[in-house]
């Protein structure tokens, strides 16, 4: 047997390594995600699964256009807001191009083990998929979006009745056919500022405008998201069926969800803000509504903290208190 050995110069070796690294990264960036419902490795959750302990109790929809390029056609009009409340039953409200829905819950959602809630759309096929972003809020007005990925090709527009491959999509609602929810795990957002993942009170669903040219919407990696477009019907855009809750405060008895009662005042304040009942190691943050951090303090002993006005801007601010892995956020007004 003859053994041939090829020798590389240091420069050739360096070039070869770089090529392999680029190839590896390219493959990784195009990694496949979970397949459609019913296939091995899917994350789809059936609507009648016993994991659901509650459903959204209220929904308010802000409709988008039937066709964002032809606004004269008006807004999507299929279904009513209330159809997205309650359990998944394929009765939907259509959001239209770029439309959104805010859903609220009788009991706040918490960060349990694995997925914490799932969003249902009404697609009749595993590969005819209309997609939406998912955002959560613990105070009802500041929302944090889940990181999303769309590896669908962007060379050609996916047209009205064209199909998508679910394995190229991650963390976008509508990944699965009707009757199966797309799950979301709050653990992914545990470090997001101004968000208490153990006190989620609202979820916002925002239709992805599938047009990859004039009105493109992008995933977290700046990829245009390509999905069936236009859908110039009264049922345009994402068709929201329901949001099912897997972990909430009523059904998830975990000690870390116990709330500490803080005394915060005066509110509104002018010269100072006092916070009582603090424990050593508690972290205090103040943010502007643009998420910019304006103040940070770590408490070095039990008791109270007096925050002087200093350079805090006038207007509505967000006060965040973090203690023992639990976080609360309160609105404060600086006059």
C-alpha atoms as a PDB file:
ATOM      1  CA  UNK A   1       0.000   0.000   0.000  1.00  0.00           C
ATOM      2  CA  UNK A   2       1.288   3.441  -0.910  1.00  0.00           C
ATOM      3  CA  UNK A   3       0.719   6.312   1.494  1.00  0.00           C
ATOM      4  CA  UNK A   4       0.777   9.802   0.037  1.00  0.00           C
ATOM      5  CA  UNK A   5       1.281  12.721   2.413  1.00  0.00           C
ATOM      6  CA  UNK A   6       0.757  16.293   1.246  1.00  0.00           C
ATOM      7  CA  UNK A   7       2.729  19.000   3.028  1.00  0.00           C
ATOM      8  CA  UNK A   8       1.479  22.571   3.409  1.00  0.00           C
ATOM      9  CA  UNK A   9       3.483  25.687   3.955  1.00  0.00           C
ATOM     10  CA  UNK A  10       2.442  27.776   7.016  1.00  0.00           C
ATOM     11  CA  UNK A  11       0.708  30.262   4.701  1.00  0.00           C
ATOM     12  CA  UNK A  12      -1.179  27.466   2.877  1.00  0.00           C
ATOM     13  CA  UNK A  13      -2.172  25.925   6.195  1.00  0.00           C
ATOM     14  CA  UNK A  14      -3.494  29.261   7.469  1.00  0.00           C
ATOM     15  CA  UNK A  15      -5.538  29.747   4.296  1.00  0.00           C
ATOM     16  CA  UNK A  16      -6.960  26.212   4.542  1.00  0.00           C
ATOM     17  CA  UNK A  17      -8.020  26.759   8.160  1.00  0.00           C
ATOM     18  CA  UNK A  18      -9.749  30.037   7.268  1.00  0.00           C
ATOM     19  CA  UNK A  19     -11.646  28.351   4.404  1.00  0.00           C
ATOM     20  CA  UNK A  20     -12.849  25.566   6.695  1.00  0.00           C
ATOM     21  CA  UNK A  21     -13.915  28.043   9.390  1.00  0.00           C
ATOM     22  CA  UNK A  22     -15.928  30.057   6.833  1.00  0.00           C
ATOM     23  CA  UNK A  23     -17.513  26.848   5.510  1.00  0.00           C
ATOM     24  CA  UNK A  24     -18.402  25.728   9.026  1.00  0.00           C
ATOM     25  CA  UNK A  25     -19.951  29.099   9.899  1.00  0.00           C
ATOM     26  CA  UNK A  26     -21.945  29.118   6.650  1.00  0.00           C
ATOM     27  CA  UNK A  27     -23.357  25.693   7.424  1.00  0.00           C
ATOM     28  CA  UNK A  28     -24.110  26.707  11.028  1.00  0.00           C
ATOM     29  CA  UNK A  29     -25.915  29.871   9.981  1.00  0.00           C
ATOM     30  CA  UNK A  30     -28.145  27.784   7.715  1.00  0.00           C
ATOM     31  CA  UNK A  31     -28.723  25.133  10.360  1.00  0.00           C
ATOM     32  CA  UNK A  32     -32.019  23.304  10.238  1.00  0.00           C
ATOM     33  CA  UNK A  33     -34.617  23.844  12.934  1.00  0.00           C
ATOM     34  CA  UNK A  34     -37.478  21.689  14.179  1.00  0.00           C
ATOM     35  CA  UNK A  35     -39.601  20.015  11.446  1.00  0.00           C
ATOM     36  CA  UNK A  36     -43.403  20.161  10.976  1.00  0.00           C
ATOM     37  CA  UNK A  37     -45.903  18.708  13.444  1.00  0.00           C
ATOM     38  CA  UNK A  38     -45.922  14.933  13.652  1.00  0.00           C
ATOM     39  CA  UNK A  39     -42.297  14.465  12.586  1.00  0.00           C
ATOM     40  CA  UNK A  40     -39.459  13.362  14.843  1.00  0.00           C
ATOM     41  CA  UNK A  41     -37.833  16.353  16.518  1.00  0.00           C
ATOM     42  CA  UNK A  42     -40.800  18.708  16.131  1.00  0.00           C
ATOM     43  CA  UNK A  43     -41.564  21.168  18.928  1.00  0.00           C
ATOM     44  CA  UNK A  44     -45.217  21.572  17.873  1.00  0.00           C
ATOM     45  CA  UNK A  45     -47.716  21.245  20.739  1.00  0.00           C
ATOM     46  CA  UNK A  46     -51.199  19.917  20.000  1.00  0.00           C
ATOM     47  CA  UNK A  47     -54.031  22.201  21.060  1.00  0.00           C
ATOM     48  CA  UNK A  48     -55.648  19.582  23.304  1.00  0.00           C
ATOM     49  CA  UNK A  49     -52.378  18.807  25.126  1.00  0.00           C
ATOM     50  CA  UNK A  50     -52.637  18.599  28.917  1.00  0.00           C
ATOM     51  CA  UNK A  51     -49.632  20.951  29.239  1.00  0.00           C
ATOM     52  CA  UNK A  52     -51.925  23.955  28.744  1.00  0.00           C
ATOM     53  CA  UNK A  53     -53.226  25.330  32.016  1.00  0.00           C
ATOM     54  CA  UNK A  54     -54.856  28.539  30.700  1.00  0.00           C
ATOM     55  CA  UNK A  55     -55.514  30.641  27.611  1.00  0.00           C
ATOM     56  CA  UNK A  56     -55.467  34.356  26.822  1.00  0.00           C
ATOM     57  CA  UNK A  57     -58.486  36.069  28.368  1.00  0.00           C
ATOM     58  CA  UNK A  58     -58.593  39.226  26.242  1.00  0.00           C
ATOM     59  CA  UNK A  59     -57.305  40.412  22.863  1.00  0.00           C
ATOM     60  CA  UNK A  60     -57.070  43.825  21.192  1.00  0.00           C
ATOM     61  CA  UNK A  61     -56.157  43.922  17.480  1.00  0.00           C
ATOM     62  CA  UNK A  62     -54.715  46.781  15.446  1.00  0.00           C
ATOM     63  CA  UNK A  63     -55.366  45.752  11.837  1.00  0.00           C
ATOM     64  CA  UNK A  64     -52.880  46.064   9.007  1.00  0.00           C
ATOM     65  CA  UNK A  65     -53.666  46.659   5.342  1.00  0.00           C
ATOM     66  CA  UNK A  66     -55.008  43.912   3.085  1.00  0.00           C
ATOM     67  CA  UNK A  67     -52.069  44.784   0.819  1.00  0.00           C
ATOM     68  CA  UNK A  68     -49.503  47.264   2.091  1.00  0.00           C
ATOM     69  CA  UNK A  69     -48.670  48.173  -1.524  1.00  0.00           C
ATOM     70  CA  UNK A  70     -52.316  48.973  -2.340  1.00  0.00           C
ATOM     71  CA  UNK A  71     -53.670  50.784   0.686  1.00  0.00           C
ATOM     72  CA  UNK A  72     -56.839  51.686  -1.208  1.00  0.00           C
ATOM     73  CA  UNK A  73     -57.983  48.103  -0.563  1.00  0.00           C
ATOM     74  CA  UNK A  74     -58.363  48.980   3.094  1.00  0.00           C
ATOM     75  CA  UNK A  75     -57.613  46.888   6.156  1.00  0.00           C
ATOM     76  CA  UNK A  76     -57.925  43.176   6.882  1.00  0.00           C
ATOM     77  CA  UNK A  77     -61.379  42.509   8.309  1.00  0.00           C
ATOM     78  CA  UNK A  78     -61.808  38.784   8.847  1.00  0.00           C
ATOM     79  CA  UNK A  79     -62.798  37.702  12.363  1.00  0.00           C
ATOM     80  CA  UNK A  80     -63.122  39.690  15.576  1.00  0.00           C
ATOM     81  CA  UNK A  81     -60.708  40.408  18.409  1.00  0.00           C
ATOM     82  CA  UNK A  82     -62.528  38.116  20.837  1.00  0.00           C
ATOM     83  CA  UNK A  83     -61.928  35.067  18.625  1.00  0.00           C
ATOM     84  CA  UNK A  84     -58.255  35.044  19.702  1.00  0.00           C
ATOM     85  CA  UNK A  85     -59.233  34.779  23.370  1.00  0.00           C
ATOM     86  CA  UNK A  86     -59.910  31.356  24.843  1.00  0.00           C
ATOM     87  CA  UNK A  87     -58.706  27.992  23.621  1.00  0.00           C
ATOM     88  CA  UNK A  88     -57.516  27.049  20.127  1.00  0.00           C
ATOM     89  CA  UNK A  89     -60.516  26.244  17.917  1.00  0.00           C
ATOM     90  CA  UNK A  90     -59.445  27.503  14.455  1.00  0.00           C
ATOM     91  CA  UNK A  91     -61.726  30.544  14.823  1.00  0.00           C
ATOM     92  CA  UNK A  92     -59.332  33.361  14.005  1.00  0.00           C
ATOM     93  CA  UNK A  93     -58.836  37.089  13.642  1.00  0.00           C
ATOM     94  CA  UNK A  94     -56.687  38.201  10.695  1.00  0.00           C
ATOM     95  CA  UNK A  95     -54.046  40.864  11.399  1.00  0.00           C
ATOM     96  CA  UNK A  96     -53.306  42.116   7.861  1.00  0.00           C
ATOM     97  CA  UNK A  97     -49.896  43.309   6.639  1.00  0.00           C
ATOM     98  CA  UNK A  98     -47.931  44.396   9.700  1.00  0.00           C
ATOM     99  CA  UNK A  99     -50.992  44.323  11.962  1.00  0.00           C
ATOM    100  CA  UNK A 100     -50.669  43.314  15.600  1.00  0.00           C
ATOM    101  CA  UNK A 101     -52.626  41.847  18.490  1.00  0.00           C
ATOM    102  CA  UNK A 102     -52.036  42.313  22.224  1.00  0.00           C
ATOM    103  CA  UNK A 103     -53.279  39.474  24.417  1.00  0.00           C
ATOM    104  CA  UNK A 104     -53.615  39.591  28.195  1.00  0.00           C
ATOM    105  CA  UNK A 105     -54.135  36.903  30.830  1.00  0.00           C
ATOM    106  CA  UNK A 106     -56.024  36.453  34.103  1.00  0.00           C
ATOM    107  CA  UNK A 107     -52.854  35.156  35.770  1.00  0.00           C
ATOM    108  CA  UNK A 108     -49.314  36.277  34.774  1.00  0.00           C
ATOM    109  CA  UNK A 109     -47.181  33.812  32.823  1.00  0.00           C
ATOM    110  CA  UNK A 110     -43.933  32.686  34.491  1.00  0.00           C
ATOM    111  CA  UNK A 111     -40.632  31.191  33.384  1.00  0.00           C
ATOM    112  CA  UNK A 112     -40.977  27.502  34.143  1.00  0.00           C
ATOM    113  CA  UNK A 113     -39.091  24.496  32.797  1.00  0.00           C
ATOM    114  CA  UNK A 114     -39.076  24.445  28.992  1.00  0.00           C
ATOM    115  CA  UNK A 115     -41.677  26.258  26.882  1.00  0.00           C
ATOM    116  CA  UNK A 116     -43.979  28.634  28.779  1.00  0.00           C
ATOM    117  CA  UNK A 117     -46.642  29.395  26.162  1.00  0.00           C
ATOM    118  CA  UNK A 118     -47.530  28.595  22.559  1.00  0.00           C
ATOM    119  CA  UNK A 119     -49.081  30.611  19.714  1.00  0.00           C
ATOM    120  CA  UNK A 120     -51.630  29.062  17.339  1.00  0.00           C
ATOM    121  CA  UNK A 121     -52.328  29.978  13.698  1.00  0.00           C
ATOM    122  CA  UNK A 122     -54.799  28.206  11.399  1.00  0.00           C
ATOM    123  CA  UNK A 123     -52.701  27.048   8.434  1.00  0.00           C
ATOM    124  CA  UNK A 124     -54.257  24.037   6.701  1.00  0.00           C
ATOM    125  CA  UNK A 125     -50.871  22.677   5.511  1.00  0.00           C
ATOM    126  CA  UNK A 126     -47.481  21.971   7.057  1.00  0.00           C
ATOM    127  CA  UNK A 127     -45.806  24.214   4.506  1.00  0.00           C
ATOM    128  CA  UNK A 128     -48.261  27.014   3.796  1.00  0.00           C
ATOM    129  CA  UNK A 129     -47.088  29.237   6.600  1.00  0.00           C
ATOM    130  CA  UNK A 130     -47.947  32.832   7.513  1.00  0.00           C
ATOM    131  CA  UNK A 131     -45.539  34.129  10.119  1.00  0.00           C
ATOM    132  CA  UNK A 132     -45.471  36.629  12.977  1.00  0.00           C
ATOM    133  CA  UNK A 133     -43.055  38.067  15.530  1.00  0.00           C
ATOM    134  CA  UNK A 134     -43.729  37.392  19.221  1.00  0.00           C
ATOM    135  CA  UNK A 135     -43.066  39.897  22.006  1.00  0.00           C
ATOM    136  CA  UNK A 136     -43.791  39.817  25.757  1.00  0.00           C
ATOM    137  CA  UNK A 137     -44.259  42.455  28.447  1.00  0.00           C
ATOM    138  CA  UNK A 138     -44.421  42.482  32.232  1.00  0.00           C
ATOM    139  CA  UNK A 139     -45.874  45.996  32.466  1.00  0.00           C
ATOM    140  CA  UNK A 140     -48.170  46.149  29.434  1.00  0.00           C
ATOM    141  CA  UNK A 141     -46.371  48.840  27.464  1.00  0.00           C
ATOM    142  CA  UNK A 142     -42.685  47.869  27.138  1.00  0.00           C
ATOM    143  CA  UNK A 143     -42.347  44.753  24.945  1.00  0.00           C
ATOM    144  CA  UNK A 144     -39.317  42.523  24.326  1.00  0.00           C
ATOM    145  CA  UNK A 145     -39.138  40.471  21.122  1.00  0.00           C
ATOM    146  CA  UNK A 146     -37.996  36.854  20.926  1.00  0.00           C
ATOM    147  CA  UNK A 147     -34.926  36.358  18.741  1.00  0.00           C
ATOM    148  CA  UNK A 148     -36.096  34.924  15.403  1.00  0.00           C
ATOM    149  CA  UNK A 149     -34.500  33.255  12.392  1.00  0.00           C
ATOM    150  CA  UNK A 150     -35.668  32.929   8.791  1.00  0.00           C
ATOM    151  CA  UNK A 151     -33.321  31.036   6.467  1.00  0.00           C
ATOM    152  CA  UNK A 152     -35.803  30.953   3.591  1.00  0.00           C
ATOM    153  CA  UNK A 153     -34.196  32.037   0.297  1.00  0.00           C
ATOM    154  CA  UNK A 154     -34.461  35.726  -0.578  1.00  0.00           C
ATOM    155  CA  UNK A 155     -33.699  35.514  -4.318  1.00  0.00           C
ATOM    156  CA  UNK A 156     -37.382  35.314  -5.267  1.00  0.00           C
ATOM    157  CA  UNK A 157     -40.560  36.442  -3.574  1.00  0.00           C
ATOM    158  CA  UNK A 158     -42.644  33.666  -1.999  1.00  0.00           C
ATOM    159  CA  UNK A 159     -45.935  34.347  -3.720  1.00  0.00           C
ATOM    160  CA  UNK A 160     -49.515  34.195  -2.481  1.00  0.00           C
ATOM    161  CA  UNK A 161     -49.985  30.418  -2.362  1.00  0.00           C
ATOM    162  CA  UNK A 162     -46.339  29.306  -2.371  1.00  0.00           C
ATOM    163  CA  UNK A 163     -44.896  27.073   0.351  1.00  0.00           C
ATOM    164  CA  UNK A 164     -42.254  27.358   3.083  1.00  0.00           C
ATOM    165  CA  UNK A 165     -39.954  24.878   4.793  1.00  0.00           C
ATOM    166  CA  UNK A 166     -40.506  24.870   8.568  1.00  0.00           C
ATOM    167  CA  UNK A 167     -36.959  23.618   9.192  1.00  0.00           C
ATOM    168  CA  UNK A 168     -35.657  26.998   8.032  1.00  0.00           C
ATOM    169  CA  UNK A 169     -37.772  28.930  10.548  1.00  0.00           C
ATOM    170  CA  UNK A 170     -37.255  29.457  14.280  1.00  0.00           C
ATOM    171  CA  UNK A 171     -39.058  31.498  16.955  1.00  0.00           C
ATOM    172  CA  UNK A 172     -41.670  32.874  14.582  1.00  0.00           C
ATOM    173  CA  UNK A 173     -45.342  32.191  15.306  1.00  0.00           C
ATOM    174  CA  UNK A 174     -47.114  30.358  12.509  1.00  0.00           C
ATOM    175  CA  UNK A 175     -44.357  27.777  12.031  1.00  0.00           C
ATOM    176  CA  UNK A 176     -46.891  24.957  12.487  1.00  0.00           C
ATOM    177  CA  UNK A 177     -50.250  24.075  10.910  1.00  0.00           C
ATOM    178  CA  UNK A 178     -53.606  24.706  12.556  1.00  0.00           C
ATOM    179  CA  UNK A 179     -54.208  22.790  15.753  1.00  0.00           C
ATOM    180  CA  UNK A 180     -50.525  22.867  16.718  1.00  0.00           C
ATOM    181  CA  UNK A 181     -48.906  25.687  18.690  1.00  0.00           C
ATOM    182  CA  UNK A 182     -45.456  27.190  18.209  1.00  0.00           C
ATOM    183  CA  UNK A 183     -43.795  27.185  21.666  1.00  0.00           C
ATOM    184  CA  UNK A 184     -41.794  30.005  23.259  1.00  0.00           C
ATOM    185  CA  UNK A 185     -39.464  29.781  26.268  1.00  0.00           C
ATOM    186  CA  UNK A 186     -39.117  32.840  28.540  1.00  0.00           C
ATOM    187  CA  UNK A 187     -35.704  31.595  29.665  1.00  0.00           C
ATOM    188  CA  UNK A 188     -34.366  33.108  26.432  1.00  0.00           C
ATOM    189  CA  UNK A 189     -35.341  36.581  27.675  1.00  0.00           C
ATOM    190  CA  UNK A 190     -34.342  36.272  31.337  1.00  0.00           C
ATOM    191  CA  UNK A 191     -31.606  38.926  31.029  1.00  0.00           C
ATOM    192  CA  UNK A 192     -33.660  41.467  29.077  1.00  0.00           C
ATOM    193  CA  UNK A 193     -33.869  44.862  30.817  1.00  0.00           C
ATOM    194  CA  UNK A 194     -37.268  46.109  31.983  1.00  0.00           C
ATOM    195  CA  UNK A 195     -38.707  42.596  31.765  1.00  0.00           C
ATOM    196  CA  UNK A 196     -39.732  40.315  34.622  1.00  0.00           C
ATOM    197  CA  UNK A 197     -39.984  36.858  33.055  1.00  0.00           C
ATOM    198  CA  UNK A 198     -41.867  35.650  36.125  1.00  0.00           C
ATOM    199  CA  UNK A 199     -44.610  38.231  35.670  1.00  0.00           C
ATOM    200  CA  UNK A 200     -45.575  38.301  31.970  1.00  0.00           C
ATOM    201  CA  UNK A 201     -48.900  40.092  31.666  1.00  0.00           C
ATOM    202  CA  UNK A 202     -49.148  40.712  27.918  1.00  0.00           C
ATOM    203  CA  UNK A 203     -48.047  39.104  24.642  1.00  0.00           C
ATOM    204  CA  UNK A 204     -47.927  40.979  21.342  1.00  0.00           C
ATOM    205  CA  UNK A 205     -48.159  39.181  17.997  1.00  0.00           C
ATOM    206  CA  UNK A 206     -46.979  41.216  14.981  1.00  0.00           C
ATOM    207  CA  UNK A 207     -47.600  40.080  11.416  1.00  0.00           C
ATOM    208  CA  UNK A 208     -44.499  39.597   9.268  1.00  0.00           C
ATOM    209  CA  UNK A 209     -44.871  41.522   6.012  1.00  0.00           C
ATOM    210  CA  UNK A 210     -43.619  38.840   3.652  1.00  0.00           C
ATOM    211  CA  UNK A 211     -42.678  41.264   0.867  1.00  0.00           C
ATOM    212  CA  UNK A 212     -38.875  41.028   0.677  1.00  0.00           C
ATOM    213  CA  UNK A 213     -38.510  44.195  -1.417  1.00  0.00           C
ATOM    214  CA  UNK A 214     -40.349  47.428  -0.618  1.00  0.00           C
ATOM    215  CA  UNK A 215     -41.750  46.644   2.827  1.00  0.00           C
ATOM    216  CA  UNK A 216     -39.456  43.898   4.085  1.00  0.00           C
ATOM    217  CA  UNK A 217     -39.412  42.884   7.743  1.00  0.00           C
ATOM    218  CA  UNK A 218     -36.278  41.259   9.131  1.00  0.00           C
ATOM    219  CA  UNK A 219     -35.333  38.481  11.513  1.00  0.00           C
ATOM    220  CA  UNK A 220     -32.813  38.999  14.319  1.00  0.00           C
ATOM    221  CA  UNK A 221     -29.928  38.451  11.891  1.00  0.00           C
ATOM    222  CA  UNK A 222     -31.088  41.070   9.371  1.00  0.00           C
ATOM    223  CA  UNK A 223     -32.420  38.469   6.920  1.00  0.00           C
ATOM    224  CA  UNK A 224     -35.554  39.617   5.062  1.00  0.00           C
ATOM    225  CA  UNK A 225     -38.361  37.258   6.075  1.00  0.00           C
ATOM    226  CA  UNK A 226     -39.936  35.743   2.977  1.00  0.00           C
ATOM    227  CA  UNK A 227     -43.462  34.390   3.398  1.00  0.00           C
ATOM    228  CA  UNK A 228     -46.571  34.212   1.151  1.00  0.00           C
ATOM    229  CA  UNK A 229     -47.293  37.712  -0.177  1.00  0.00           C
ATOM    230  CA  UNK A 230     -49.478  39.397  -1.153  1.00  0.00           C
ATOM    231  CA  UNK A 231     -52.552  37.886   0.470  1.00  0.00           C
ATOM    232  CA  UNK A 232     -55.057  40.500  -0.788  1.00  0.00           C
ATOM    233  CA  UNK A 233     -58.117  39.136   0.963  1.00  0.00           C
ATOM    234  CA  UNK A 234     -60.163  40.143   4.001  1.00  0.00           C
ATOM    235  CA  UNK A 235     -58.176  37.415   5.810  1.00  0.00           C
ATOM    236  CA  UNK A 236     -54.835  39.015   4.936  1.00  0.00           C
ATOM    237  CA  UNK A 237     -51.739  38.386   7.032  1.00  0.00           C
ATOM    238  CA  UNK A 238     -51.271  36.270  10.148  1.00  0.00           C
ATOM    239  CA  UNK A 239     -54.461  34.542  11.306  1.00  0.00           C
ATOM    240  CA  UNK A 240     -54.358  34.460  15.106  1.00  0.00           C
ATOM    241  CA  UNK A 241     -56.214  31.568  16.678  1.00  0.00           C
ATOM    242  CA  UNK A 242     -55.097  31.504  20.315  1.00  0.00           C
ATOM    243  CA  UNK A 243     -52.259  31.687  22.844  1.00  0.00           C
ATOM    244  CA  UNK A 244     -52.030  28.778  25.267  1.00  0.00           C
ATOM    245  CA  UNK A 245     -50.308  29.123  28.651  1.00  0.00           C
ATOM    246  CA  UNK A 246     -48.083  26.342  29.979  1.00  0.00           C
ATOM    247  CA  UNK A 247     -46.681  28.010  33.127  1.00  0.00           C
ATOM    248  CA  UNK A 248     -48.455  30.699  35.148  1.00  0.00           C
ATOM    249  CA  UNK A 249     -48.430  31.896  38.741  1.00  0.00           C
ATOM    250  CA  UNK A 250     -51.621  30.064  39.637  1.00  0.00           C
ATOM    251  CA  UNK A 251     -50.430  26.643  38.489  1.00  0.00           C
ATOM    252  CA  UNK A 252     -46.664  26.887  38.974  1.00  0.00           C
ATOM    253  CA  UNK A 253     -45.954  26.794  42.699  1.00  0.00           C
ATOM    254  CA  UNK A 254     -42.312  27.798  42.857  1.00  0.00           C
ATOM    255  CA  UNK A 255     -41.020  29.759  45.829  1.00  0.00           C
ATOM    256  CA  UNK A 256     -39.024  32.214  43.720  1.00  0.00           C
ATOM    257  CA  UNK A 257     -42.261  33.773  42.417  1.00  0.00           C
ATOM    258  CA  UNK A 258     -43.183  35.130  45.860  1.00  0.00           C
ATOM    259  CA  UNK A 259     -43.333  38.920  45.634  1.00  0.00           C
ATOM    260  CA  UNK A 260     -41.551  41.255  48.029  1.00  0.00           C
ATOM    261  CA  UNK A 261     -43.584  44.341  48.923  1.00  0.00           C
ATOM    262  CA  UNK A 262     -41.483  47.446  48.373  1.00  0.00           C
ATOM    263  CA  UNK A 263     -42.437  50.943  49.468  1.00  0.00           C
ATOM    264  CA  UNK A 264     -41.597  53.372  46.653  1.00  0.00           C
ATOM    265  CA  UNK A 265     -42.282  57.097  46.885  1.00  0.00           C
ATOM    266  CA  UNK A 266     -43.115  59.807  46.482  1.00  0.00           C
ATOM    267  CA  UNK A 267     -44.456  59.082  43.025  1.00  0.00           C
ATOM    268  CA  UNK A 268     -44.503  61.439  41.155  1.00  0.00           C
ATOM    269  CA  UNK A 269     -41.243  62.779  42.621  1.00  0.00           C
ATOM    270  CA  UNK A 270     -39.302  66.011  42.217  1.00  0.00           C
ATOM    271  CA  UNK A 271     -36.204  66.048  44.439  1.00  0.00           C
ATOM    272  CA  UNK A 272     -35.776  62.454  45.596  1.00  0.00           C
ATOM    273  CA  UNK A 273     -37.210  58.930  45.449  1.00  0.00           C
ATOM    274  CA  UNK A 274     -37.138  56.627  48.479  1.00  0.00           C
ATOM    275  CA  UNK A 275     -37.335  52.832  48.348  1.00  0.00           C
ATOM    276  CA  UNK A 276     -37.913  50.847  51.564  1.00  0.00           C
ATOM    277  CA  UNK A 277     -37.753  47.155  52.540  1.00  0.00           C
ATOM    278  CA  UNK A 278     -34.602  46.441  50.526  1.00  0.00           C
ATOM    279  CA  UNK A 279     -32.263  43.554  51.259  1.00  0.00           C
ATOM    280  CA  UNK A 280     -28.485  43.523  50.923  1.00  0.00           C
ATOM    281  CA  UNK A 281     -27.458  42.643  47.357  1.00  0.00           C
ATOM    282  CA  UNK A 282     -30.613  44.055  45.748  1.00  0.00           C
ATOM    283  CA  UNK A 283     -29.956  45.823  42.453  1.00  0.00           C
ATOM    284  CA  UNK A 284     -31.795  49.002  41.498  1.00  0.00           C
ATOM    285  CA  UNK A 285     -31.958  50.294  37.916  1.00  0.00           C
ATOM    286  CA  UNK A 286     -33.744  53.229  36.309  1.00  0.00           C
ATOM    287  CA  UNK A 287     -34.368  53.245  32.544  1.00  0.00           C
ATOM    288  CA  UNK A 288     -35.777  55.732  30.091  1.00  0.00           C
ATOM    289  CA  UNK A 289     -38.583  54.632  27.785  1.00  0.00           C
ATOM    290  CA  UNK A 290     -35.950  54.128  25.063  1.00  0.00           C
ATOM    291  CA  UNK A 291     -34.397  51.361  27.252  1.00  0.00           C
ATOM    292  CA  UNK A 292     -31.319  53.489  28.044  1.00  0.00           C
ATOM    293  CA  UNK A 293     -30.038  52.842  31.567  1.00  0.00           C
ATOM    294  CA  UNK A 294     -29.956  56.084  33.581  1.00  0.00           C
ATOM    295  CA  UNK A 295     -29.160  54.821  37.091  1.00  0.00           C
ATOM    296  CA  UNK A 296     -27.701  51.696  38.722  1.00  0.00           C
ATOM    297  CA  UNK A 297     -27.070  50.837  42.353  1.00  0.00           C
ATOM    298  CA  UNK A 298     -26.339  47.657  44.305  1.00  0.00           C
ATOM    299  CA  UNK A 299     -27.597  47.824  47.902  1.00  0.00           C
ATOM    300  CA  UNK A 300     -24.848  47.074  50.434  1.00  0.00           C
ATOM    301  CA  UNK A 301     -27.084  46.578  53.505  1.00  0.00           C
ATOM    302  CA  UNK A 302     -30.715  45.949  54.454  1.00  0.00           C
ATOM    303  CA  UNK A 303     -32.962  48.972  54.742  1.00  0.00           C
ATOM    304  CA  UNK A 304     -33.801  51.967  52.572  1.00  0.00           C
ATOM    305  CA  UNK A 305     -32.256  53.806  49.649  1.00  0.00           C
ATOM    306  CA  UNK A 306     -32.695  57.494  48.849  1.00  0.00           C
ATOM    307  CA  UNK A 307     -32.195  58.341  45.165  1.00  0.00           C
ATOM    308  CA  UNK A 308     -31.580  62.032  44.635  1.00  0.00           C
ATOM    309  CA  UNK A 309     -32.870  63.691  41.483  1.00  0.00           C
ATOM    310  CA  UNK A 310     -29.324  64.137  40.144  1.00  0.00           C
ATOM    311  CA  UNK A 311     -29.407  64.146  36.350  1.00  0.00           C
ATOM    312  CA  UNK A 312     -32.528  62.056  35.819  1.00  0.00           C
ATOM    313  CA  UNK A 313     -34.591  63.453  32.935  1.00  0.00           C
ATOM    314  CA  UNK A 314     -38.117  64.718  33.473  1.00  0.00           C
ATOM    315  CA  UNK A 315     -41.032  62.516  32.496  1.00  0.00           C
ATOM    316  CA  UNK A 316     -42.024  58.853  32.734  1.00  0.00           C
ATOM    317  CA  UNK A 317     -39.224  56.464  33.771  1.00  0.00           C
ATOM    318  CA  UNK A 318     -38.990  52.748  34.612  1.00  0.00           C
ATOM    319  CA  UNK A 319     -37.718  51.568  37.982  1.00  0.00           C
ATOM    320  CA  UNK A 320     -36.410  47.985  38.114  1.00  0.00           C
ATOM    321  CA  UNK A 321     -35.652  46.148  41.372  1.00  0.00           C
ATOM    322  CA  UNK A 322     -33.825  42.802  41.201  1.00  0.00           C
ATOM    323  CA  UNK A 323     -33.528  40.594  44.294  1.00  0.00           C
ATOM    324  CA  UNK A 324     -32.815  36.867  44.642  1.00  0.00           C
ATOM    325  CA  UNK A 325     -33.312  36.280  40.923  1.00  0.00           C
ATOM    326  CA  UNK A 326     -36.729  37.949  40.970  1.00  0.00           C
ATOM    327  CA  UNK A 327     -37.364  41.230  39.175  1.00  0.00           C
ATOM    328  CA  UNK A 328     -40.131  43.811  39.319  1.00  0.00           C
ATOM    329  CA  UNK A 329     -40.607  46.926  37.185  1.00  0.00           C
ATOM    330  CA  UNK A 330     -42.594  50.009  38.175  1.00  0.00           C
ATOM    331  CA  UNK A 331     -43.447  53.236  36.370  1.00  0.00           C
ATOM    332  CA  UNK A 332     -42.194  56.391  38.096  1.00  0.00           C
ATOM    333  CA  UNK A 333     -42.845  59.995  37.107  1.00  0.00           C
ATOM    334  CA  UNK A 334     -40.185  62.680  37.553  1.00  0.00           C
ATOM    335  CA  UNK A 335     -41.759  66.146  37.677  1.00  0.00           C
END
